[in-house]
């Protein structure tokens, strides 16, 4: 997992997850390393099923 944060972009990025919108001090308090790790685990776990459901939805429409 790669995590980076710069003052100009204020982006947090992992291999599976990226926050690219600027955020302030309140968001920094919430998006701790542990929180980002948890969100990354959720994305990793649920993305395959989510993509499968979205593909099925597209076929139905």
N, C-alpha and C. Protein backbone atom coordinates (compact mmCIF):
# COMPACT_ATOMS: atom_id res chain seq x y z
N UNK A 1 0.85 -1.17 0.00
CA UNK A 1 0.00 0.00 0.00
C UNK A 1 0.90 1.23 0.00
N UNK A 2 0.55 2.19 -0.85
CA UNK A 2 1.29 3.44 -0.92
C UNK A 2 0.39 4.56 -0.43
N UNK A 3 0.90 5.40 0.45
CA UNK A 3 0.10 6.52 0.95
C UNK A 3 0.93 7.77 0.79
N UNK A 4 0.35 8.78 0.13
CA UNK A 4 1.06 10.04 -0.02
C UNK A 4 0.11 11.19 0.25
N UNK A 5 0.66 12.27 0.76
CA UNK A 5 -0.13 13.46 1.05
C UNK A 5 0.75 14.67 0.82
N UNK A 6 0.30 15.57 -0.04
CA UNK A 6 1.05 16.78 -0.29
C UNK A 6 0.22 17.97 0.12
N UNK A 7 0.87 19.06 0.45
CA UNK A 7 0.15 20.26 0.87
C UNK A 7 -0.62 20.88 -0.29
N UNK A 8 -0.10 20.81 -1.51
CA UNK A 8 -0.78 21.45 -2.63
C UNK A 8 -2.00 20.67 -3.08
N UNK A 9 -1.88 19.34 -3.17
CA UNK A 9 -3.00 18.55 -3.63
C UNK A 9 -3.82 17.98 -2.48
N UNK A 10 -3.21 17.80 -1.35
CA UNK A 10 -3.84 17.16 -0.20
C UNK A 10 -4.49 15.85 -0.62
N UNK A 11 -3.79 15.05 -1.38
CA UNK A 11 -4.34 13.79 -1.86
C UNK A 11 -3.80 12.64 -1.03
N UNK A 12 -4.65 11.70 -0.76
CA UNK A 12 -4.26 10.47 -0.11
C UNK A 12 -4.51 9.36 -1.11
N UNK A 13 -3.50 8.55 -1.36
CA UNK A 13 -3.61 7.53 -2.38
C UNK A 13 -3.08 6.20 -1.86
N UNK A 14 -3.80 5.14 -2.16
CA UNK A 14 -3.30 3.79 -1.96
C UNK A 14 -3.39 3.11 -3.31
N UNK A 15 -2.92 1.88 -3.40
CA UNK A 15 -3.01 1.16 -4.67
C UNK A 15 -4.45 0.95 -5.10
N UNK A 16 -5.36 0.86 -4.15
CA UNK A 16 -6.76 0.57 -4.44
C UNK A 16 -7.69 1.77 -4.30
N UNK A 17 -7.21 2.84 -3.68
CA UNK A 17 -8.11 3.92 -3.28
C UNK A 17 -7.40 5.26 -3.40
N UNK A 18 -8.11 6.27 -3.87
CA UNK A 18 -7.51 7.60 -3.98
C UNK A 18 -8.52 8.67 -3.59
N UNK A 19 -8.08 9.61 -2.77
CA UNK A 19 -8.85 10.81 -2.44
C UNK A 19 -8.12 11.94 -3.15
N UNK A 20 -8.74 12.53 -4.14
CA UNK A 20 -8.02 13.52 -4.94
C UNK A 20 -8.55 14.94 -4.77
N UNK A 21 -9.64 15.11 -4.07
CA UNK A 21 -10.16 16.45 -3.83
C UNK A 21 -9.46 17.07 -2.64
N UNK A 22 -9.22 18.36 -2.68
CA UNK A 22 -8.60 19.02 -1.52
C UNK A 22 -9.51 18.92 -0.30
N UNK A 23 -8.90 18.79 0.85
CA UNK A 23 -9.67 18.76 2.08
C UNK A 23 -8.94 19.52 3.18
N UNK A 24 -9.70 19.90 4.19
CA UNK A 24 -9.17 20.76 5.25
C UNK A 24 -8.79 20.00 6.50
N UNK A 25 -8.61 20.74 7.56
CA UNK A 25 -8.15 20.16 8.83
C UNK A 25 -9.13 19.16 9.41
N UNK A 26 -10.42 19.42 9.28
CA UNK A 26 -11.42 18.48 9.83
C UNK A 26 -11.33 17.13 9.11
N UNK A 27 -11.19 17.17 7.80
CA UNK A 27 -11.07 15.93 7.05
C UNK A 27 -9.78 15.20 7.40
N UNK A 28 -8.71 15.94 7.61
CA UNK A 28 -7.44 15.31 8.00
C UNK A 28 -7.58 14.58 9.32
N UNK A 29 -8.40 15.11 10.22
CA UNK A 29 -8.61 14.45 11.51
C UNK A 29 -9.38 13.14 11.33
N UNK A 30 -10.26 13.10 10.35
CA UNK A 30 -11.07 11.91 10.11
C UNK A 30 -10.32 10.89 9.27
N UNK A 31 -9.63 11.35 8.23
CA UNK A 31 -8.93 10.45 7.32
C UNK A 31 -7.53 10.12 7.84
N UNK A 32 -7.49 9.49 8.98
CA UNK A 32 -6.22 9.06 9.56
C UNK A 32 -5.69 7.88 8.75
N UNK A 33 -4.46 7.51 9.00
CA UNK A 33 -3.88 6.35 8.31
C UNK A 33 -4.72 5.10 8.56
N UNK A 34 -5.20 4.94 9.78
CA UNK A 34 -6.02 3.78 10.12
C UNK A 34 -7.35 3.81 9.37
N UNK A 35 -7.96 4.98 9.26
CA UNK A 35 -9.23 5.11 8.54
C UNK A 35 -9.04 4.81 7.06
N UNK A 36 -7.98 5.33 6.48
CA UNK A 36 -7.70 5.07 5.06
C UNK A 36 -7.43 3.58 4.85
N UNK A 37 -6.72 2.96 5.76
CA UNK A 37 -6.46 1.52 5.66
C UNK A 37 -7.77 0.73 5.71
N UNK A 38 -8.68 1.13 6.60
CA UNK A 38 -9.98 0.47 6.71
C UNK A 38 -10.78 0.65 5.42
N UNK A 39 -10.82 1.87 4.89
CA UNK A 39 -11.54 2.12 3.65
C UNK A 39 -10.94 1.33 2.49
N UNK A 40 -9.63 1.21 2.47
CA UNK A 40 -8.96 0.43 1.44
C UNK A 40 -9.37 -1.04 1.53
N UNK A 41 -9.45 -1.56 2.75
CA UNK A 41 -9.89 -2.94 2.93
C UNK A 41 -11.32 -3.13 2.42
N UNK A 42 -12.18 -2.17 2.69
CA UNK A 42 -13.56 -2.24 2.19
C UNK A 42 -13.60 -2.25 0.67
N UNK A 43 -12.84 -1.35 0.06
CA UNK A 43 -12.79 -1.27 -1.40
C UNK A 43 -12.28 -2.59 -1.98
N UNK A 44 -11.20 -3.10 -1.42
CA UNK A 44 -10.61 -4.35 -1.91
C UNK A 44 -11.60 -5.50 -1.78
N UNK A 45 -12.31 -5.56 -0.68
CA UNK A 45 -13.24 -6.66 -0.43
C UNK A 45 -14.49 -6.58 -1.30
N UNK A 46 -15.07 -5.39 -1.45
CA UNK A 46 -16.38 -5.26 -2.08
C UNK A 46 -16.35 -4.86 -3.56
N UNK A 47 -15.25 -4.39 -4.09
CA UNK A 47 -15.22 -3.94 -5.48
C UNK A 47 -15.59 -5.03 -6.48
N UNK A 48 -15.07 -6.26 -6.37
CA UNK A 48 -15.46 -7.28 -7.36
C UNK A 48 -16.97 -7.51 -7.40
N UNK A 49 -17.61 -7.62 -6.26
CA UNK A 49 -19.06 -7.83 -6.22
C UNK A 49 -19.80 -6.60 -6.74
N UNK A 50 -19.34 -5.42 -6.36
CA UNK A 50 -19.97 -4.18 -6.84
C UNK A 50 -19.89 -4.10 -8.36
N UNK A 51 -18.73 -4.40 -8.92
CA UNK A 51 -18.57 -4.36 -10.38
C UNK A 51 -19.46 -5.38 -11.07
N UNK A 52 -19.59 -6.56 -10.47
CA UNK A 52 -20.47 -7.59 -11.03
C UNK A 52 -21.92 -7.10 -11.04
N UNK A 53 -22.36 -6.52 -9.95
CA UNK A 53 -23.73 -6.00 -9.86
C UNK A 53 -23.96 -4.85 -10.84
N UNK A 54 -22.99 -3.97 -10.97
CA UNK A 54 -23.12 -2.86 -11.92
C UNK A 54 -23.19 -3.36 -13.36
N UNK A 55 -22.40 -4.37 -13.69
CA UNK A 55 -22.44 -4.93 -15.04
C UNK A 55 -23.79 -5.57 -15.32
N UNK A 56 -24.35 -6.28 -14.34
CA UNK A 56 -25.68 -6.88 -14.50
C UNK A 56 -26.74 -5.80 -14.67
N UNK A 57 -26.61 -4.73 -13.95
CA UNK A 57 -27.56 -3.62 -14.06
C UNK A 57 -27.51 -2.99 -15.44
N UNK A 58 -26.31 -2.82 -15.98
CA UNK A 58 -26.16 -2.24 -17.32
C UNK A 58 -26.81 -3.14 -18.36
N UNK A 59 -26.64 -4.46 -18.21
CA UNK A 59 -27.24 -5.39 -19.17
C UNK A 59 -28.76 -5.35 -19.12
N UNK A 60 -29.33 -5.11 -17.94
CA UNK A 60 -30.78 -5.05 -17.81
C UNK A 60 -31.36 -3.79 -18.42
N UNK A 61 -30.61 -2.72 -18.41
CA UNK A 61 -31.15 -1.44 -18.89
C UNK A 61 -31.17 -1.33 -20.36
